[in-house]
Amino acid sequence: LPFVLDLKFPPIFTSLTDVFGFIVNLNFVSLMPLGCIMQSDFHHQMMGYTLIPLVLGGIMILAYNVLKRKDSTVGLSNEIFALFLFMTFL
């Protein structure tokens, strides 16, 4: 952000954002060589970044609802729901 607004942040803040920025902003799509399979532009990438979390969340909610009905898998369904909640805050 400082390169956009030409701001100087305190050194402790910049070092902290450098550490957490690496962990949080992992771009797995750019690590995969999808360019040899198909050509993609900004709109295709944006659609993927938007739809992949929605599809994963839908699958997790579906798995939670299916597992919730069985008494033996209540713990697993709660873990899936907790992972879904965690994923929504990333």
C-alpha atoms as a PDB file:
ATOM      1  CA  LEU A   1       0.000   0.000   0.000  1.00  0.00           C
ATOM      2  CA  PRO A   2       2.790   2.536   0.582  1.00  0.00           C
ATOM      3  CA  PHE A   3       3.726   2.390  -3.103  1.00  0.00           C
ATOM      4  CA  VAL A   4       0.210   3.485  -4.062  1.00  0.00           C
ATOM      5  CA  LEU A   5      -0.238   6.334  -1.589  1.00  0.00           C
ATOM      6  CA  ASP A   6       3.449   7.234  -1.084  1.00  0.00           C
ATOM      7  CA  LEU A   7       3.191   6.759   2.693  1.00  0.00           C
ATOM      8  CA  LYS A   8       5.924   5.915   5.186  1.00  0.00           C
ATOM      9  CA  PHE A   9       4.808   3.353   7.749  1.00  0.00           C
ATOM     10  CA  PRO A  10       6.704   2.659  10.984  1.00  0.00           C
ATOM     11  CA  PRO A  11       9.384  -0.045  10.628  1.00  0.00           C
ATOM     12  CA  ILE A  12       7.693  -2.394  13.108  1.00  0.00           C
ATOM     13  CA  PHE A  13       4.484  -2.271  11.065  1.00  0.00           C
ATOM     14  CA  THR A  14       6.235  -2.925   7.757  1.00  0.00           C
ATOM     15  CA  SER A  15       8.209  -5.861   9.173  1.00  0.00           C
ATOM     16  CA  LEU A  16       5.028  -7.343  10.651  1.00  0.00           C
ATOM     17  CA  THR A  17       3.106  -6.973   7.391  1.00  0.00           C
ATOM     18  CA  ASP A  18       6.015  -8.526   5.479  1.00  0.00           C
ATOM     19  CA  VAL A  19       5.884 -11.616   7.699  1.00  0.00           C
ATOM     20  CA  PHE A  20       2.108 -12.004   7.652  1.00  0.00           C
ATOM     21  CA  GLY A  21       1.808 -10.923   4.028  1.00  0.00           C
ATOM     22  CA  PHE A  22       3.856 -13.926   2.958  1.00  0.00           C
ATOM     23  CA  ILE A  23       1.675 -16.311   4.961  1.00  0.00           C
ATOM     24  CA  VAL A  24      -1.721 -14.840   4.052  1.00  0.00           C
ATOM     25  CA  ASN A  25      -1.123 -13.851   0.427  1.00  0.00           C
ATOM     26  CA  LEU A  26       0.036 -17.157  -0.981  1.00  0.00           C
ATOM     27  CA  ASN A  27      -1.014 -17.192  -4.603  1.00  0.00           C
ATOM     28  CA  PHE A  28      -1.401 -20.885  -5.423  1.00  0.00           C
ATOM     29  CA  VAL A  29      -2.855 -20.222  -8.866  1.00  0.00           C
ATOM     30  CA  SER A  30       0.308 -18.465 -10.023  1.00  0.00           C
ATOM     31  CA  LEU A  31       2.412 -21.386  -8.765  1.00  0.00           C
ATOM     32  CA  MET A  32       0.616 -23.834 -11.067  1.00  0.00           C
ATOM     33  CA  PRO A  33       1.649 -23.772 -14.743  1.00  0.00           C
ATOM     34  CA  LEU A  34      -1.839 -23.344 -16.158  1.00  0.00           C
ATOM     35  CA  GLY A  35      -0.539 -21.275 -19.080  1.00  0.00           C
ATOM     36  CA  CYS A  36       0.448 -24.428 -20.962  1.00  0.00           C
ATOM     37  CA  ILE A  37      -3.038 -25.878 -20.613  1.00  0.00           C
ATOM     38  CA  MET A  38      -5.143 -22.821 -21.443  1.00  0.00           C
ATOM     39  CA  GLN A  39      -4.771 -19.115 -21.980  1.00  0.00           C
ATOM     40  CA  SER A  40      -6.205 -16.954 -19.239  1.00  0.00           C
ATOM     41  CA  ASP A  41      -6.541 -13.236 -18.771  1.00  0.00           C
ATOM     42  CA  PHE A  42      -7.469 -11.074 -15.805  1.00  0.00           C
ATOM     43  CA  HIS A  43     -11.188 -11.875 -16.075  1.00  0.00           C
ATOM     44  CA  HIS A  44     -10.624 -15.642 -16.026  1.00  0.00           C
ATOM     45  CA  GLN A  45      -8.350 -15.341 -12.998  1.00  0.00           C
ATOM     46  CA  MET A  46     -10.817 -13.090 -11.197  1.00  0.00           C
ATOM     47  CA  MET A  47     -13.637 -15.530 -11.877  1.00  0.00           C
ATOM     48  CA  GLY A  48     -11.490 -18.356 -10.489  1.00  0.00           C
ATOM     49  CA  TYR A  49     -10.521 -16.377  -7.382  1.00  0.00           C
ATOM     50  CA  THR A  50     -14.200 -15.609  -6.802  1.00  0.00           C
ATOM     51  CA  LEU A  51     -15.760 -18.990  -7.580  1.00  0.00           C
ATOM     52  CA  ILE A  52     -13.237 -21.369  -6.003  1.00  0.00           C
ATOM     53  CA  PRO A  53     -13.890 -20.205  -2.398  1.00  0.00           C
ATOM     54  CA  LEU A  54     -17.646 -20.204  -3.022  1.00  0.00           C
ATOM     55  CA  VAL A  55     -17.566 -23.749  -4.407  1.00  0.00           C
ATOM     56  CA  LEU A  56     -15.339 -24.971  -1.550  1.00  0.00           C
ATOM     57  CA  GLY A  57     -17.645 -23.329   0.977  1.00  0.00           C
ATOM     58  CA  GLY A  58     -20.683 -24.930  -0.644  1.00  0.00           C
ATOM     59  CA  ILE A  59     -19.044 -28.352  -0.550  1.00  0.00           C
ATOM     60  CA  MET A  60     -18.118 -27.856   3.105  1.00  0.00           C
ATOM     61  CA  ILE A  61     -21.662 -26.814   4.043  1.00  0.00           C
ATOM     62  CA  LEU A  62     -23.071 -29.784   2.151  1.00  0.00           C
ATOM     63  CA  ALA A  63     -20.645 -32.151   3.915  1.00  0.00           C
ATOM     64  CA  TYR A  64     -21.541 -30.567   7.267  1.00  0.00           C
ATOM     65  CA  ASN A  65     -25.261 -31.094   6.693  1.00  0.00           C
ATOM     66  CA  VAL A  66     -24.773 -34.704   5.566  1.00  0.00           C
ATOM     67  CA  LEU A  67     -22.479 -35.588   8.470  1.00  0.00           C
ATOM     68  CA  LYS A  68     -24.610 -33.741  11.025  1.00  0.00           C
ATOM     69  CA  ARG A  69     -27.472 -36.200  10.472  1.00  0.00           C
ATOM     70  CA  LYS A  70     -25.332 -39.145  11.577  1.00  0.00           C
ATOM     71  CA  ASP A  71     -24.707 -39.320  15.318  1.00  0.00           C
ATOM     72  CA  SER A  72     -21.313 -40.999  14.955  1.00  0.00           C
ATOM     73  CA  THR A  73     -19.792 -38.163  12.885  1.00  0.00           C
ATOM     74  CA  VAL A  74     -20.895 -35.132  14.911  1.00  0.00           C
ATOM     75  CA  GLY A  75     -17.290 -34.299  15.838  1.00  0.00           C
ATOM     76  CA  LEU A  76     -16.183 -34.376  12.199  1.00  0.00           C
ATOM     77  CA  SER A  77     -19.107 -32.216  11.113  1.00  0.00           C
ATOM     78  CA  ASN A  78     -18.223 -29.658  13.791  1.00  0.00           C
ATOM     79  CA  GLU A  79     -14.608 -29.622  12.571  1.00  0.00           C
ATOM     80  CA  ILE A  80     -15.776 -29.045   9.001  1.00  0.00           C
ATOM     81  CA  PHE A  81     -17.997 -26.191  10.108  1.00  0.00           C
ATOM     82  CA  ALA A  82     -15.153 -24.662  12.153  1.00  0.00           C
ATOM     83  CA  LEU A  83     -12.892 -24.899   9.098  1.00  0.00           C
ATOM     84  CA  PHE A  84     -15.590 -23.207   7.010  1.00  0.00           C
ATOM     85  CA  LEU A  85     -15.840 -20.356   9.518  1.00  0.00           C
ATOM     86  CA  PHE A  86     -12.055 -20.026   9.573  1.00  0.00           C
ATOM     87  CA  MET A  87     -11.965 -19.960   5.776  1.00  0.00           C
ATOM     88  CA  THR A  88     -14.533 -17.143   5.640  1.00  0.00           C
ATOM     89  CA  PHE A  89     -12.282 -14.916   7.741  1.00  0.00           C
ATOM     90  CA  LEU A  90      -9.235 -15.396   5.508  1.00  0.00           C
END
